[in-house]
């Protein structure tokens, strides 16, 4: 059995094999500025992509596309909403946001992509809803101040009690009846009854690492977590055991890299973040089959990042309808995608 301790020797850029982007295309969707946050539905006939883009003042717009090059919509979600997350079940699109101005509603939904309606069941607050996901008939949302919500339809939400108050929950993921949420304060909150009751994994506080994103990896049968300090953790789908640190990503210049999102796609773990050189930030993409293999990571420089400090809410990555990796990044609102990973 593998010892659940940090790896003895972290990977370096010298043994990170190059991740090439044959046929890379950079496109500018209709929005002119702000971050781009994506979700994708394979359940709809065309495999639609949905994108949010807008300005720091709120008034974000929602766009849709079935090919990444041409975009429909540009529909304002709701005045004063600065969107942080978007999810779809193939028919209904649900957004989570923080309130910049106006009322304190922070989740809205649409069935036609032309108009959005505020959801009910959330208390009035200016806290952000950082992440929304849909899985097997149930919607899940997490946010600042340990907020956890569950919904059957994305329109009416029920608040759930987190193990600790005052946590900034960044990400939530689902597998079968198990749900896991991670926080900036390095908490790992878990549920084994579809989000009804929650507990904290024993020993889940890992130094001061700011956890940013979590996903389920079917080919590994493990949960994968990434943090703002470039670390990657695993859990063996056994919430009675602690998570364990397996790697820390380097940047090409030896500086620290801040990981923001992680997905499992086509049997690979893909994580995206940023690293700094002089006064510039670069977008870093790391890909591997198994994070436990310290020499298995591949790296690619995906270009400049110029959106500002809110990269946790403006960097996005999804897997395409074919073996294609899609990246959304800051200002100007850009998409990048590769023909394969």
C-alpha atoms as a PDB file:
ATOM      1  CA  UNK A   1       0.000   0.000   0.000  1.00  0.00           C
ATOM      2  CA  UNK A   2       1.338   3.438  -0.922  1.00  0.00           C
ATOM      3  CA  UNK A   3       2.546   5.529   1.983  1.00  0.00           C
ATOM      4  CA  UNK A   4       0.355   8.597   2.304  1.00  0.00           C
ATOM      5  CA  UNK A   5       3.106  11.169   2.643  1.00  0.00           C
ATOM      6  CA  UNK A   6       4.458  13.858   0.312  1.00  0.00           C
ATOM      7  CA  UNK A   7       6.656  12.561  -2.473  1.00  0.00           C
ATOM      8  CA  UNK A   8      10.350  12.729  -1.685  1.00  0.00           C
ATOM      9  CA  UNK A   9      11.358  14.523  -4.858  1.00  0.00           C
ATOM     10  CA  UNK A  10       9.005  16.999  -6.510  1.00  0.00           C
ATOM     11  CA  UNK A  11       8.959  17.238 -10.315  1.00  0.00           C
ATOM     12  CA  UNK A  12      11.075  19.870 -11.988  1.00  0.00           C
ATOM     13  CA  UNK A  13      10.651  21.553 -15.325  1.00  0.00           C
ATOM     14  CA  UNK A  14      13.430  19.373 -16.747  1.00  0.00           C
ATOM     15  CA  UNK A  15      11.372  16.225 -16.423  1.00  0.00           C
ATOM     16  CA  UNK A  16       8.063  17.768 -17.407  1.00  0.00           C
ATOM     17  CA  UNK A  17       7.597  16.713 -20.995  1.00  0.00           C
ATOM     18  CA  UNK A  18       6.341  19.365 -23.397  1.00  0.00           C
ATOM     19  CA  UNK A  19       2.612  19.607 -23.979  1.00  0.00           C
ATOM     20  CA  UNK A  20       2.164  20.706 -27.565  1.00  0.00           C
ATOM     21  CA  UNK A  21      -0.919  22.324 -29.031  1.00  0.00           C
ATOM     22  CA  UNK A  22      -1.109  21.276 -32.691  1.00  0.00           C
ATOM     23  CA  UNK A  23      -3.513  23.458 -34.590  1.00  0.00           C
ATOM     24  CA  UNK A  24      -4.014  25.832 -31.665  1.00  0.00           C
ATOM     25  CA  UNK A  25      -6.612  28.511 -32.294  1.00  0.00           C
ATOM     26  CA  UNK A  26      -7.155  31.647 -30.247  1.00  0.00           C
ATOM     27  CA  UNK A  27     -10.602  33.155 -30.721  1.00  0.00           C
ATOM     28  CA  UNK A  28     -12.315  36.171 -29.243  1.00  0.00           C
ATOM     29  CA  UNK A  29     -15.975  35.565 -28.442  1.00  0.00           C
ATOM     30  CA  UNK A  30     -18.393  38.523 -28.502  1.00  0.00           C
ATOM     31  CA  UNK A  31     -17.556  39.869 -25.004  1.00  0.00           C
ATOM     32  CA  UNK A  32     -14.864  42.504 -25.040  1.00  0.00           C
ATOM     33  CA  UNK A  33     -13.508  42.222 -21.527  1.00  0.00           C
ATOM     34  CA  UNK A  34     -13.552  40.476 -18.197  1.00  0.00           C
ATOM     35  CA  UNK A  35     -12.924  36.868 -17.299  1.00  0.00           C
ATOM     36  CA  UNK A  36     -14.335  33.882 -19.145  1.00  0.00           C
ATOM     37  CA  UNK A  37     -15.855  31.019 -17.187  1.00  0.00           C
ATOM     38  CA  UNK A  38     -17.095  27.916 -18.963  1.00  0.00           C
ATOM     39  CA  UNK A  39     -19.274  24.936 -18.556  1.00  0.00           C
ATOM     40  CA  UNK A  40     -20.206  22.374 -21.154  1.00  0.00           C
ATOM     41  CA  UNK A  41     -23.076  20.000 -21.714  1.00  0.00           C
ATOM     42  CA  UNK A  42     -22.636  16.677 -23.465  1.00  0.00           C
ATOM     43  CA  UNK A  43     -26.273  15.912 -22.673  1.00  0.00           C
ATOM     44  CA  UNK A  44     -27.676  18.305 -25.252  1.00  0.00           C
ATOM     45  CA  UNK A  45     -27.734  17.261 -28.862  1.00  0.00           C
ATOM     46  CA  UNK A  46     -24.993  19.627 -30.009  1.00  0.00           C
ATOM     47  CA  UNK A  47     -22.740  19.421 -26.970  1.00  0.00           C
ATOM     48  CA  UNK A  48     -23.094  23.117 -26.228  1.00  0.00           C
ATOM     49  CA  UNK A  49     -20.510  25.293 -24.533  1.00  0.00           C
ATOM     50  CA  UNK A  50     -21.644  28.124 -22.288  1.00  0.00           C
ATOM     51  CA  UNK A  51     -19.506  31.108 -21.358  1.00  0.00           C
ATOM     52  CA  UNK A  52     -19.798  34.021 -18.957  1.00  0.00           C
ATOM     53  CA  UNK A  53     -17.977  37.238 -19.583  1.00  0.00           C
ATOM     54  CA  UNK A  54     -18.293  40.730 -18.232  1.00  0.00           C
ATOM     55  CA  UNK A  55     -16.744  43.562 -16.302  1.00  0.00           C
ATOM     56  CA  UNK A  56     -15.858  43.985 -12.632  1.00  0.00           C
ATOM     57  CA  UNK A  57     -18.975  46.113 -12.210  1.00  0.00           C
ATOM     58  CA  UNK A  58     -21.231  43.117 -12.825  1.00  0.00           C
ATOM     59  CA  UNK A  59     -23.865  43.016 -15.582  1.00  0.00           C
ATOM     60  CA  UNK A  60     -22.249  39.850 -16.939  1.00  0.00           C
ATOM     61  CA  UNK A  61     -23.418  38.290 -20.185  1.00  0.00           C
ATOM     62  CA  UNK A  62     -24.026  34.623 -21.063  1.00  0.00           C
ATOM     63  CA  UNK A  63     -22.965  33.190 -24.438  1.00  0.00           C
ATOM     64  CA  UNK A  64     -23.411  29.784 -26.052  1.00  0.00           C
ATOM     65  CA  UNK A  65     -21.653  27.951 -28.873  1.00  0.00           C
ATOM     66  CA  UNK A  66     -21.484  24.486 -30.408  1.00  0.00           C
ATOM     67  CA  UNK A  67     -18.157  25.062 -32.165  1.00  0.00           C
ATOM     68  CA  UNK A  68     -16.174  27.569 -30.027  1.00  0.00           C
ATOM     69  CA  UNK A  69     -15.710  29.956 -32.946  1.00  0.00           C
ATOM     70  CA  UNK A  70     -19.157  31.503 -33.326  1.00  0.00           C
ATOM     71  CA  UNK A  71     -21.170  32.502 -30.260  1.00  0.00           C
ATOM     72  CA  UNK A  72     -24.864  33.154 -29.756  1.00  0.00           C
ATOM     73  CA  UNK A  73     -26.494  35.139 -26.999  1.00  0.00           C
ATOM     74  CA  UNK A  74     -24.761  37.928 -25.230  1.00  0.00           C
ATOM     75  CA  UNK A  75     -27.739  37.931 -22.878  1.00  0.00           C
ATOM     76  CA  UNK A  76     -27.337  39.865 -19.655  1.00  0.00           C
ATOM     77  CA  UNK A  77     -27.816  37.446 -16.780  1.00  0.00           C
ATOM     78  CA  UNK A  78     -29.102  39.935 -14.220  1.00  0.00           C
ATOM     79  CA  UNK A  79     -28.093  43.556 -13.565  1.00  0.00           C
ATOM     80  CA  UNK A  80     -25.352  43.855 -10.968  1.00  0.00           C
ATOM     81  CA  UNK A  81     -24.388  40.174 -10.936  1.00  0.00           C
ATOM     82  CA  UNK A  82     -20.703  39.314 -11.284  1.00  0.00           C
ATOM     83  CA  UNK A  83     -20.802  35.644 -12.224  1.00  0.00           C
ATOM     84  CA  UNK A  84     -18.417  33.181 -10.605  1.00  0.00           C
ATOM     85  CA  UNK A  85     -19.755  29.828 -11.830  1.00  0.00           C
ATOM     86  CA  UNK A  86     -21.997  28.320 -14.476  1.00  0.00           C
ATOM     87  CA  UNK A  87     -23.434  24.825 -14.884  1.00  0.00           C
ATOM     88  CA  UNK A  88     -26.001  23.076 -17.053  1.00  0.00           C
ATOM     89  CA  UNK A  89     -27.996  19.856 -17.147  1.00  0.00           C
ATOM     90  CA  UNK A  90     -28.332  20.112 -20.918  1.00  0.00           C
ATOM     91  CA  UNK A  91     -31.532  22.159 -20.750  1.00  0.00           C
ATOM     92  CA  UNK A  92     -31.358  24.519 -17.808  1.00  0.00           C
ATOM     93  CA  UNK A  93     -28.393  26.852 -17.280  1.00  0.00           C
ATOM     94  CA  UNK A  94     -27.683  27.991 -13.721  1.00  0.00           C
ATOM     95  CA  UNK A  95     -25.241  30.705 -12.689  1.00  0.00           C
ATOM     96  CA  UNK A  96     -23.725  31.534  -9.302  1.00  0.00           C
ATOM     97  CA  UNK A  97     -22.473  35.020  -8.606  1.00  0.00           C
ATOM     98  CA  UNK A  98     -21.559  37.697  -6.135  1.00  0.00           C
ATOM     99  CA  UNK A  99     -23.673  40.801  -5.927  1.00  0.00           C
ATOM    100  CA  UNK A 100     -21.951  43.978  -7.100  1.00  0.00           C
ATOM    101  CA  UNK A 101     -25.046  46.177  -6.929  1.00  0.00           C
ATOM    102  CA  UNK A 102     -28.786  45.930  -6.543  1.00  0.00           C
ATOM    103  CA  UNK A 103     -30.510  43.111  -4.669  1.00  0.00           C
ATOM    104  CA  UNK A 104     -28.737  40.297  -2.810  1.00  0.00           C
ATOM    105  CA  UNK A 105     -29.878  37.411  -5.057  1.00  0.00           C
ATOM    106  CA  UNK A 106     -26.878  35.335  -6.155  1.00  0.00           C
ATOM    107  CA  UNK A 107     -28.194  32.351  -8.185  1.00  0.00           C
ATOM    108  CA  UNK A 108     -30.200  32.655 -11.391  1.00  0.00           C
ATOM    109  CA  UNK A 109     -31.397  30.144 -13.986  1.00  0.00           C
ATOM    110  CA  UNK A 110     -32.654  30.058 -17.562  1.00  0.00           C
ATOM    111  CA  UNK A 111     -34.313  27.464 -19.794  1.00  0.00           C
ATOM    112  CA  UNK A 112     -34.151  29.436 -23.014  1.00  0.00           C
ATOM    113  CA  UNK A 113     -30.872  31.347 -22.748  1.00  0.00           C
ATOM    114  CA  UNK A 114     -32.753  34.578 -23.391  1.00  0.00           C
ATOM    115  CA  UNK A 115     -33.878  35.494 -19.889  1.00  0.00           C
ATOM    116  CA  UNK A 116     -32.832  34.567 -16.359  1.00  0.00           C
ATOM    117  CA  UNK A 117     -34.905  34.196 -13.204  1.00  0.00           C
ATOM    118  CA  UNK A 118     -33.615  34.505  -9.659  1.00  0.00           C
ATOM    119  CA  UNK A 119     -33.584  31.264  -7.690  1.00  0.00           C
ATOM    120  CA  UNK A 120     -35.196  31.048  -4.266  1.00  0.00           C
ATOM    121  CA  UNK A 121     -34.097  29.567  -0.938  1.00  0.00           C
ATOM    122  CA  UNK A 122     -30.893  31.554  -0.437  1.00  0.00           C
ATOM    123  CA  UNK A 123     -30.617  34.098   2.358  1.00  0.00           C
ATOM    124  CA  UNK A 124     -29.885  37.699   1.486  1.00  0.00           C
ATOM    125  CA  UNK A 125     -26.121  38.112   1.334  1.00  0.00           C
ATOM    126  CA  UNK A 126     -23.317  39.765  -0.581  1.00  0.00           C
ATOM    127  CA  UNK A 127     -21.149  36.631  -0.326  1.00  0.00           C
ATOM    128  CA  UNK A 128     -20.079  34.920  -3.545  1.00  0.00           C
ATOM    129  CA  UNK A 129     -21.455  31.630  -4.841  1.00  0.00           C
ATOM    130  CA  UNK A 130     -18.125  30.327  -6.087  1.00  0.00           C
ATOM    131  CA  UNK A 131     -19.061  27.007  -7.681  1.00  0.00           C
ATOM    132  CA  UNK A 132     -22.172  25.262  -9.017  1.00  0.00           C
ATOM    133  CA  UNK A 133     -22.249  21.722 -10.405  1.00  0.00           C
ATOM    134  CA  UNK A 134     -24.960  19.378 -11.669  1.00  0.00           C
ATOM    135  CA  UNK A 135     -24.917  15.610 -11.302  1.00  0.00           C
ATOM    136  CA  UNK A 136     -27.592  12.934 -11.743  1.00  0.00           C
ATOM    137  CA  UNK A 137     -30.621  15.114 -11.122  1.00  0.00           C
ATOM    138  CA  UNK A 138     -29.203  17.273  -8.340  1.00  0.00           C
ATOM    139  CA  UNK A 139     -27.558  20.695  -8.296  1.00  0.00           C
ATOM    140  CA  UNK A 140     -24.915  21.668  -5.739  1.00  0.00           C
ATOM    141  CA  UNK A 141     -23.606  25.146  -4.876  1.00  0.00           C
ATOM    142  CA  UNK A 142     -20.909  26.339  -2.470  1.00  0.00           C
ATOM    143  CA  UNK A 143     -19.599  29.761  -1.564  1.00  0.00           C
ATOM    144  CA  UNK A 144     -18.132  32.101   0.959  1.00  0.00           C
ATOM    145  CA  UNK A 145     -18.960  31.899   4.671  1.00  0.00           C
ATOM    146  CA  UNK A 146     -19.324  28.072   4.492  1.00  0.00           C
ATOM    147  CA  UNK A 147     -22.418  28.313   2.312  1.00  0.00           C
ATOM    148  CA  UNK A 148     -23.649  24.958   0.933  1.00  0.00           C
ATOM    149  CA  UNK A 149     -26.893  24.599  -1.037  1.00  0.00           C
ATOM    150  CA  UNK A 150     -28.627  21.685  -2.780  1.00  0.00           C
ATOM    151  CA  UNK A 151     -31.437  21.818  -5.348  1.00  0.00           C
ATOM    152  CA  UNK A 152     -33.526  19.353  -7.347  1.00  0.00           C
ATOM    153  CA  UNK A 153     -34.194  21.801 -10.171  1.00  0.00           C
ATOM    154  CA  UNK A 154     -31.730  24.699  -9.911  1.00  0.00           C
ATOM    155  CA  UNK A 155     -34.617  27.047  -9.110  1.00  0.00           C
ATOM    156  CA  UNK A 156     -35.389  26.263  -5.451  1.00  0.00           C
ATOM    157  CA  UNK A 157     -32.418  25.741  -3.135  1.00  0.00           C
ATOM    158  CA  UNK A 158     -32.084  24.293   0.365  1.00  0.00           C
ATOM    159  CA  UNK A 159     -29.289  25.384   2.698  1.00  0.00           C
ATOM    160  CA  UNK A 160     -27.155  22.699   4.350  1.00  0.00           C
ATOM    161  CA  UNK A 161     -24.989  22.991   7.466  1.00  0.00           C
ATOM    162  CA  UNK A 162     -21.206  22.946   6.994  1.00  0.00           C
ATOM    163  CA  UNK A 163     -18.958  21.459   9.708  1.00  0.00           C
ATOM    164  CA  UNK A 164     -17.247  24.832  10.311  1.00  0.00           C
ATOM    165  CA  UNK A 165     -18.434  28.385   9.822  1.00  0.00           C
ATOM    166  CA  UNK A 166     -16.555  31.172   8.088  1.00  0.00           C
ATOM    167  CA  UNK A 167     -14.894  29.087   5.368  1.00  0.00           C
ATOM    168  CA  UNK A 168     -14.472  30.290   1.791  1.00  0.00           C
ATOM    169  CA  UNK A 169     -15.551  27.216  -0.198  1.00  0.00           C
ATOM    170  CA  UNK A 170     -14.084  27.376  -3.688  1.00  0.00           C
ATOM    171  CA  UNK A 171     -15.102  24.159  -5.405  1.00  0.00           C
ATOM    172  CA  UNK A 172     -17.489  21.194  -5.176  1.00  0.00           C
ATOM    173  CA  UNK A 173     -17.486  17.837  -6.989  1.00  0.00           C
ATOM    174  CA  UNK A 174     -19.750  14.780  -7.015  1.00  0.00           C
ATOM    175  CA  UNK A 175     -19.345  11.025  -7.467  1.00  0.00           C
ATOM    176  CA  UNK A 176     -22.276   8.658  -6.881  1.00  0.00           C
ATOM    177  CA  UNK A 177     -23.831   9.809  -3.590  1.00  0.00           C
ATOM    178  CA  UNK A 178     -20.592  11.388  -2.375  1.00  0.00           C
ATOM    179  CA  UNK A 179     -19.954  15.118  -2.506  1.00  0.00           C
ATOM    180  CA  UNK A 180     -16.734  16.928  -1.610  1.00  0.00           C
ATOM    181  CA  UNK A 181     -16.070  20.660  -1.182  1.00  0.00           C
ATOM    182  CA  UNK A 182     -12.736  22.382  -0.567  1.00  0.00           C
ATOM    183  CA  UNK A 183     -11.913  25.743   0.980  1.00  0.00           C
ATOM    184  CA  UNK A 184      -9.267  28.429   0.852  1.00  0.00           C
ATOM    185  CA  UNK A 185      -8.613  27.609   4.500  1.00  0.00           C
ATOM    186  CA  UNK A 186      -7.619  24.044   3.462  1.00  0.00           C
ATOM    187  CA  UNK A 187     -10.761  22.349   4.756  1.00  0.00           C
ATOM    188  CA  UNK A 188     -12.163  19.312   2.979  1.00  0.00           C
ATOM    189  CA  UNK A 189     -15.896  18.992   3.674  1.00  0.00           C
ATOM    190  CA  UNK A 190     -17.570  15.733   2.616  1.00  0.00           C
ATOM    191  CA  UNK A 191     -21.051  14.253   2.355  1.00  0.00           C
ATOM    192  CA  UNK A 192     -22.050  10.644   1.731  1.00  0.00           C
ATOM    193  CA  UNK A 193     -25.792  11.252   1.389  1.00  0.00           C
ATOM    194  CA  UNK A 194     -26.010  13.476  -1.701  1.00  0.00           C
ATOM    195  CA  UNK A 195     -25.167  16.651   0.162  1.00  0.00           C
ATOM    196  CA  UNK A 196     -27.723  16.345   2.958  1.00  0.00           C
ATOM    197  CA  UNK A 197     -25.290  16.139   5.897  1.00  0.00           C
ATOM    198  CA  UNK A 198     -21.637  17.163   6.007  1.00  0.00           C
ATOM    199  CA  UNK A 199     -18.485  16.410   7.953  1.00  0.00           C
ATOM    200  CA  UNK A 200     -14.776  17.223   7.685  1.00  0.00           C
ATOM    201  CA  UNK A 201     -12.150  14.671   6.679  1.00  0.00           C
ATOM    202  CA  UNK A 202      -9.936  13.888   9.651  1.00  0.00           C
ATOM    203  CA  UNK A 203      -6.608  15.651   9.356  1.00  0.00           C
ATOM    204  CA  UNK A 204      -7.645  17.531   6.237  1.00  0.00           C
ATOM    205  CA  UNK A 205      -6.045  20.830   7.335  1.00  0.00           C
ATOM    206  CA  UNK A 206      -2.836  20.894   5.284  1.00  0.00           C
ATOM    207  CA  UNK A 207      -0.550  23.750   6.437  1.00  0.00           C
ATOM    208  CA  UNK A 208      -1.836  27.043   5.008  1.00  0.00           C
ATOM    209  CA  UNK A 209      -2.520  25.782   1.492  1.00  0.00           C
ATOM    210  CA  UNK A 210      -5.410  27.572  -0.210  1.00  0.00           C
ATOM    211  CA  UNK A 211      -7.332  24.778  -1.917  1.00  0.00           C
ATOM    212  CA  UNK A 212      -8.984  25.940  -5.117  1.00  0.00           C
ATOM    213  CA  UNK A 213     -10.543  23.068  -7.056  1.00  0.00           C
ATOM    214  CA  UNK A 214     -11.533  19.395  -6.780  1.00  0.00           C
ATOM    215  CA  UNK A 215     -12.627  16.716  -9.245  1.00  0.00           C
ATOM    216  CA  UNK A 216     -13.331  12.980  -9.349  1.00  0.00           C
ATOM    217  CA  UNK A 217     -10.949  10.879 -11.470  1.00  0.00           C
ATOM    218  CA  UNK A 218     -12.762   7.679 -12.567  1.00  0.00           C
ATOM    219  CA  UNK A 219      -9.651   6.031 -14.011  1.00  0.00           C
ATOM    220  CA  UNK A 220      -7.869   6.419 -10.660  1.00  0.00           C
ATOM    221  CA  UNK A 221     -10.951   6.049  -8.456  1.00  0.00           C
ATOM    222  CA  UNK A 222      -9.641   9.014  -6.484  1.00  0.00           C
ATOM    223  CA  UNK A 223     -10.506  12.610  -5.697  1.00  0.00           C
ATOM    224  CA  UNK A 224      -7.958  15.128  -6.977  1.00  0.00           C
ATOM    225  CA  UNK A 225      -7.494  18.530  -5.295  1.00  0.00           C
ATOM    226  CA  UNK A 226      -5.272  21.444  -6.355  1.00  0.00           C
ATOM    227  CA  UNK A 227      -4.211  24.545  -4.440  1.00  0.00           C
ATOM    228  CA  UNK A 228      -3.042  28.097  -4.924  1.00  0.00           C
ATOM    229  CA  UNK A 229       0.455  27.114  -3.790  1.00  0.00           C
ATOM    230  CA  UNK A 230       0.822  24.656  -6.671  1.00  0.00           C
ATOM    231  CA  UNK A 231       0.183  21.514  -4.629  1.00  0.00           C
ATOM    232  CA  UNK A 232      -1.863  18.476  -5.643  1.00  0.00           C
ATOM    233  CA  UNK A 233      -3.585  16.113  -3.201  1.00  0.00           C
ATOM    234  CA  UNK A 234      -5.432  12.810  -3.535  1.00  0.00           C
ATOM    235  CA  UNK A 235      -8.063  10.928  -1.564  1.00  0.00           C
ATOM    236  CA  UNK A 236      -8.777   7.234  -2.150  1.00  0.00           C
ATOM    237  CA  UNK A 237     -12.589   7.674  -2.093  1.00  0.00           C
ATOM    238  CA  UNK A 238     -12.530   6.758   1.570  1.00  0.00           C
ATOM    239  CA  UNK A 239     -13.647   9.672   3.709  1.00  0.00           C
ATOM    240  CA  UNK A 240     -12.420   7.942   6.869  1.00  0.00           C
ATOM    241  CA  UNK A 241      -8.836   8.497   5.681  1.00  0.00           C
ATOM    242  CA  UNK A 242      -6.995  11.803   5.270  1.00  0.00           C
ATOM    243  CA  UNK A 243      -6.028  13.259   1.952  1.00  0.00           C
ATOM    244  CA  UNK A 244      -2.363  13.092   1.039  1.00  0.00           C
ATOM    245  CA  UNK A 245      -0.069  15.437  -0.825  1.00  0.00           C
ATOM    246  CA  UNK A 246       1.547  13.989  -3.937  1.00  0.00           C
ATOM    247  CA  UNK A 247       3.167  16.779  -5.934  1.00  0.00           C
ATOM    248  CA  UNK A 248       3.948  20.464  -6.246  1.00  0.00           C
ATOM    249  CA  UNK A 249       4.099  22.061  -9.679  1.00  0.00           C
ATOM    250  CA  UNK A 250       7.118  24.137 -10.695  1.00  0.00           C
ATOM    251  CA  UNK A 251       7.044  26.933 -13.244  1.00  0.00           C
ATOM    252  CA  UNK A 252       9.506  27.171 -16.144  1.00  0.00           C
ATOM    253  CA  UNK A 253      11.460  29.872 -14.278  1.00  0.00           C
ATOM    254  CA  UNK A 254      11.535  28.033 -10.970  1.00  0.00           C
ATOM    255  CA  UNK A 255       9.021  30.409  -9.383  1.00  0.00           C
ATOM    256  CA  UNK A 256       5.871  29.191  -7.694  1.00  0.00           C
ATOM    257  CA  UNK A 257       2.774  28.353  -9.707  1.00  0.00           C
ATOM    258  CA  UNK A 258      -0.747  28.952  -8.465  1.00  0.00           C
ATOM    259  CA  UNK A 259      -3.195  26.223  -9.543  1.00  0.00           C
ATOM    260  CA  UNK A 260      -6.823  27.312  -9.951  1.00  0.00           C
ATOM    261  CA  UNK A 261      -8.868  24.624 -11.674  1.00  0.00           C
ATOM    262  CA  UNK A 262      -8.619  20.838 -12.121  1.00  0.00           C
ATOM    263  CA  UNK A 263     -10.661  18.466 -14.291  1.00  0.00           C
ATOM    264  CA  UNK A 264     -10.463  14.833 -15.320  1.00  0.00           C
ATOM    265  CA  UNK A 265     -10.803  14.477 -19.064  1.00  0.00           C
ATOM    266  CA  UNK A 266     -10.240  11.532 -21.367  1.00  0.00           C
ATOM    267  CA  UNK A 267      -8.383   9.581 -18.683  1.00  0.00           C
ATOM    268  CA  UNK A 268      -6.078  12.501 -17.875  1.00  0.00           C
ATOM    269  CA  UNK A 269      -5.808  14.982 -15.025  1.00  0.00           C
ATOM    270  CA  UNK A 270      -5.672  18.554 -16.331  1.00  0.00           C
ATOM    271  CA  UNK A 271      -4.954  21.518 -14.076  1.00  0.00           C
ATOM    272  CA  UNK A 272      -4.572  25.175 -14.981  1.00  0.00           C
ATOM    273  CA  UNK A 273      -2.974  28.059 -13.107  1.00  0.00           C
ATOM    274  CA  UNK A 274      -0.624  30.995 -13.394  1.00  0.00           C
ATOM    275  CA  UNK A 275       2.988  31.853 -12.696  1.00  0.00           C
ATOM    276  CA  UNK A 276       4.775  35.212 -12.748  1.00  0.00           C
ATOM    277  CA  UNK A 277       7.824  36.464 -14.587  1.00  0.00           C
ATOM    278  CA  UNK A 278       8.876  40.078 -14.012  1.00  0.00           C
ATOM    279  CA  UNK A 279       5.594  42.025 -14.115  1.00  0.00           C
ATOM    280  CA  UNK A 280       3.802  39.519 -16.331  1.00  0.00           C
ATOM    281  CA  UNK A 281       1.680  36.477 -15.531  1.00  0.00           C
ATOM    282  CA  UNK A 282       1.630  33.359 -17.664  1.00  0.00           C
ATOM    283  CA  UNK A 283      -1.051  30.687 -17.918  1.00  0.00           C
ATOM    284  CA  UNK A 284       0.291  27.253 -17.075  1.00  0.00           C
ATOM    285  CA  UNK A 285      -1.377  23.974 -18.066  1.00  0.00           C
ATOM    286  CA  UNK A 286      -0.272  20.665 -16.544  1.00  0.00           C
ATOM    287  CA  UNK A 287      -1.478  17.258 -17.731  1.00  0.00           C
ATOM    288  CA  UNK A 288      -0.822  13.778 -16.373  1.00  0.00           C
ATOM    289  CA  UNK A 289      -2.444  10.378 -16.130  1.00  0.00           C
ATOM    290  CA  UNK A 290      -1.677   9.893 -12.442  1.00  0.00           C
ATOM    291  CA  UNK A 291      -0.512  12.713 -10.113  1.00  0.00           C
ATOM    292  CA  UNK A 292       1.298  10.121  -7.993  1.00  0.00           C
ATOM    293  CA  UNK A 293       3.811   9.715 -10.823  1.00  0.00           C
ATOM    294  CA  UNK A 294       6.216  12.571 -10.129  1.00  0.00           C
ATOM    295  CA  UNK A 295       7.713  12.307 -13.633  1.00  0.00           C
ATOM    296  CA  UNK A 296       4.392  12.011 -15.418  1.00  0.00           C
ATOM    297  CA  UNK A 297       3.401  15.667 -15.616  1.00  0.00           C
ATOM    298  CA  UNK A 298       3.489  17.503 -18.950  1.00  0.00           C
ATOM    299  CA  UNK A 299       3.573  21.283 -19.052  1.00  0.00           C
ATOM    300  CA  UNK A 300       2.439  23.879 -21.566  1.00  0.00           C
ATOM    301  CA  UNK A 301       2.647  27.660 -21.557  1.00  0.00           C
ATOM    302  CA  UNK A 302      -0.826  28.776 -22.673  1.00  0.00           C
ATOM    303  CA  UNK A 303       0.065  32.434 -23.059  1.00  0.00           C
ATOM    304  CA  UNK A 304      -0.221  35.665 -21.097  1.00  0.00           C
ATOM    305  CA  UNK A 305      -2.723  36.310 -18.345  1.00  0.00           C
ATOM    306  CA  UNK A 306      -3.723  39.932 -17.836  1.00  0.00           C
ATOM    307  CA  UNK A 307      -7.009  39.978 -15.943  1.00  0.00           C
ATOM    308  CA  UNK A 308      -5.745  41.050 -12.548  1.00  0.00           C
ATOM    309  CA  UNK A 309      -6.000  39.460  -9.107  1.00  0.00           C
ATOM    310  CA  UNK A 310      -9.297  37.585  -9.538  1.00  0.00           C
ATOM    311  CA  UNK A 311      -7.804  34.660 -11.441  1.00  0.00           C
ATOM    312  CA  UNK A 312      -9.636  32.113  -9.275  1.00  0.00           C
ATOM    313  CA  UNK A 313     -12.845  33.366 -10.887  1.00  0.00           C
ATOM    314  CA  UNK A 314     -11.617  33.989 -14.426  1.00  0.00           C
ATOM    315  CA  UNK A 315      -9.555  30.951 -15.376  1.00  0.00           C
ATOM    316  CA  UNK A 316     -11.513  28.004 -16.712  1.00  0.00           C
ATOM    317  CA  UNK A 317     -10.848  24.700 -18.446  1.00  0.00           C
ATOM    318  CA  UNK A 318     -13.179  22.069 -19.923  1.00  0.00           C
ATOM    319  CA  UNK A 319     -12.818  19.008 -22.138  1.00  0.00           C
ATOM    320  CA  UNK A 320     -14.277  19.296 -25.615  1.00  0.00           C
ATOM    321  CA  UNK A 321     -16.664  17.078 -27.559  1.00  0.00           C
ATOM    322  CA  UNK A 322     -13.657  15.448 -29.186  1.00  0.00           C
ATOM    323  CA  UNK A 323     -10.159  15.112 -27.665  1.00  0.00           C
ATOM    324  CA  UNK A 324      -9.791  18.833 -27.235  1.00  0.00           C
ATOM    325  CA  UNK A 325      -8.837  20.972 -24.275  1.00  0.00           C
ATOM    326  CA  UNK A 326     -10.561  24.340 -23.943  1.00  0.00           C
ATOM    327  CA  UNK A 327      -9.160  27.171 -21.830  1.00  0.00           C
ATOM    328  CA  UNK A 328     -10.864  30.425 -20.920  1.00  0.00           C
ATOM    329  CA  UNK A 329      -8.770  33.261 -19.574  1.00  0.00           C
ATOM    330  CA  UNK A 330      -8.796  36.905 -18.588  1.00  0.00           C
ATOM    331  CA  UNK A 331      -8.774  40.214 -20.337  1.00  0.00           C
ATOM    332  CA  UNK A 332      -9.227  40.332 -23.260  1.00  0.00           C
ATOM    333  CA  UNK A 333     -11.723  37.488 -23.055  1.00  0.00           C
ATOM    334  CA  UNK A 334      -9.964  34.702 -24.899  1.00  0.00           C
ATOM    335  CA  UNK A 335     -10.523  31.067 -25.650  1.00  0.00           C
ATOM    336  CA  UNK A 336      -7.732  28.680 -26.484  1.00  0.00           C
ATOM    337  CA  UNK A 337      -8.156  25.103 -27.469  1.00  0.00           C
ATOM    338  CA  UNK A 338      -5.944  22.277 -28.614  1.00  0.00           C
ATOM    339  CA  UNK A 339      -6.765  19.405 -30.957  1.00  0.00           C
ATOM    340  CA  UNK A 340      -5.628  16.873 -28.381  1.00  0.00           C
ATOM    341  CA  UNK A 341      -3.984  16.585 -24.993  1.00  0.00           C
END
